[in-house]
Amino acid sequence: MPDASIIHVDASGHASVPDCTPLTQRSYMWDTLKFRKRPAVAFGCATQRNLATMIADPNDLLRGRGYAGQDATTASSAVQRYKDGKVTPLRDTSSTDGQQGSNSGGGSGGGGGSQ
């Protein structure tokens, strides 16, 4: 299977995959009913083509982005607190819609029609 370097990113930032024909490998599977060879397959080419099609910013394939999350010390201390059973419980909070205590009914019942 080819690696991600098969995906080409041009100057405009468009990702594309070259023709998969050179990557085609002969199939060693035989059709037992018809005794014919099955078509050759370019393993991994569809995966790379799909990645090139779906990626939001193809330049990310050329170079990664810096991690903006927590540093490793903070993350590892959180895991250690979990393992030690010293996790701070969540606060008991609730939200309201501003009409707390207002328990008025909806509309009134409909009257009968006039006769």
Protein backbone atom coordinates (compact mmCIF):
# COMPACT_ATOMS: atom_id res chain seq x y z
CA MET A 1 0.00 0.00 0.00
CA PRO A 2 1.45 3.39 -0.90
CA ASP A 3 2.10 5.89 1.86
CA ALA A 4 0.66 9.41 2.10
CA SER A 5 3.47 10.82 -0.06
CA ILE A 6 1.51 9.62 -3.10
CA ILE A 7 -0.86 12.56 -2.57
CA HIS A 8 0.40 15.63 -4.42
CA VAL A 9 -0.47 19.13 -3.18
CA ASP A 10 0.03 21.80 -5.84
CA ALA A 11 0.85 25.49 -5.30
CA SER A 12 -2.83 26.43 -5.13
CA GLY A 13 -3.38 23.96 -2.26
CA HIS A 14 -5.31 21.38 -4.28
CA ALA A 15 -4.65 17.74 -3.36
CA SER A 16 -4.61 15.09 -6.08
CA VAL A 17 -3.54 11.48 -6.53
CA PRO A 18 -1.76 10.26 -9.65
CA ASP A 19 -3.10 7.48 -11.85
CA CYS A 20 -3.26 4.23 -9.90
CA THR A 21 -2.44 1.98 -12.85
CA PRO A 22 1.30 1.72 -12.01
CA LEU A 23 0.36 0.56 -8.50
CA THR A 24 -1.75 -2.31 -9.79
CA GLN A 25 -0.77 -5.73 -8.49
CA ARG A 26 -1.66 -8.99 -10.15
CA SER A 27 -4.44 -10.86 -8.38
CA TYR A 28 -3.58 -14.37 -7.27
CA MET A 29 -7.19 -15.29 -6.60
CA TRP A 30 -8.91 -17.55 -9.07
CA ASP A 31 -12.58 -17.73 -9.85
CA THR A 32 -13.24 -21.41 -9.14
CA LEU A 33 -16.41 -21.52 -11.20
CA LYS A 34 -15.13 -19.96 -14.40
CA PHE A 35 -11.40 -20.57 -13.99
CA ARG A 36 -10.59 -16.99 -14.90
CA LYS A 37 -8.29 -14.65 -13.12
CA ARG A 38 -9.86 -11.77 -11.28
CA PRO A 39 -8.92 -8.21 -12.19
CA ALA A 40 -5.79 -6.72 -10.74
CA VAL A 41 -6.13 -4.33 -7.81
CA ALA A 42 -4.21 -1.22 -6.79
CA PHE A 43 -4.34 -1.76 -3.02
CA GLY A 44 -4.46 1.48 -1.04
CA CYS A 45 -5.07 3.72 -4.02
CA ALA A 46 -8.74 4.27 -3.22
CA THR A 47 -7.86 5.10 0.38
CA GLN A 48 -5.32 7.71 -0.69
CA ARG A 49 -7.69 9.13 -3.31
CA ASN A 50 -10.47 9.44 -0.72
CA LEU A 51 -8.13 11.19 1.71
CA ALA A 52 -7.07 13.66 -0.98
CA THR A 53 -10.72 14.34 -1.78
CA MET A 54 -11.93 14.78 1.81
CA ILE A 55 -9.13 16.75 3.47
CA ALA A 56 -10.22 20.26 4.46
CA ASP A 57 -6.78 21.87 4.14
CA PRO A 58 -4.47 19.88 1.84
CA ASN A 59 -1.49 21.85 3.13
CA ASP A 60 -1.87 19.88 6.37
CA LEU A 61 -0.56 16.89 4.42
CA LEU A 62 2.67 18.79 3.79
CA ARG A 63 3.28 20.03 7.32
CA GLY A 64 1.46 19.56 10.57
CA ARG A 65 0.10 22.21 12.88
CA GLY A 66 1.35 22.97 16.36
CA TYR A 67 -0.67 21.55 19.23
CA ALA A 68 -2.51 24.30 21.09
CA GLY A 69 -3.89 22.12 23.88
CA GLN A 70 -2.68 21.49 27.41
CA ASP A 71 0.91 20.52 28.03
CA ALA A 72 1.77 16.94 28.90
CA THR A 73 2.26 17.65 32.62
CA THR A 74 -1.30 18.92 33.03
CA ALA A 75 -2.74 16.02 31.05
CA SER A 76 -0.75 13.38 32.93
CA SER A 77 -1.70 14.83 36.33
CA ALA A 78 -5.38 14.63 35.34
CA VAL A 79 -4.95 10.96 34.43
CA GLN A 80 -3.11 10.31 37.70
CA ARG A 81 -5.91 11.95 39.74
CA TYR A 82 -8.38 9.68 37.95
CA LYS A 83 -6.32 6.59 38.72
CA ASP A 84 -5.98 7.63 42.39
CA GLY A 85 -9.73 8.23 42.72
CA LYS A 86 -9.21 11.91 43.52
CA VAL A 87 -11.38 13.32 40.77
CA THR A 88 -13.23 16.50 41.68
CA PRO A 89 -16.95 15.84 41.26
CA LEU A 90 -18.97 18.06 38.98
CA ARG A 91 -20.85 20.93 40.56
CA ASP A 92 -24.56 20.43 41.07
CA THR A 93 -25.92 23.06 38.71
CA SER A 94 -29.24 23.62 37.09
CA SER A 95 -30.58 25.98 34.53
CA THR A 96 -33.92 27.68 34.30
CA ASP A 97 -35.83 29.41 31.59
CA GLY A 98 -36.48 32.51 33.70
CA GLN A 99 -40.01 31.44 34.59
CA GLN A 100 -39.18 29.55 37.73
CA GLY A 101 -42.19 28.99 39.94
CA SER A 102 -44.64 30.08 37.27
CA ASN A 103 -46.91 27.12 36.89
CA SER A 104 -49.80 28.67 35.06
CA GLY A 105 -51.94 26.56 32.81
CA GLY A 106 -52.07 26.96 29.10
CA GLY A 107 -55.22 28.14 27.37
CA SER A 108 -58.75 27.67 28.51
CA GLY A 109 -60.97 24.86 27.37
CA GLY A 110 -62.99 25.48 24.27
CA GLY A 111 -66.65 26.31 24.51
CA GLY A 112 -69.32 24.53 22.62
CA GLY A 113 -70.55 25.85 19.34
CA SER A 114 -73.60 28.11 19.13
CA GLN A 115 -76.89 26.59 18.15
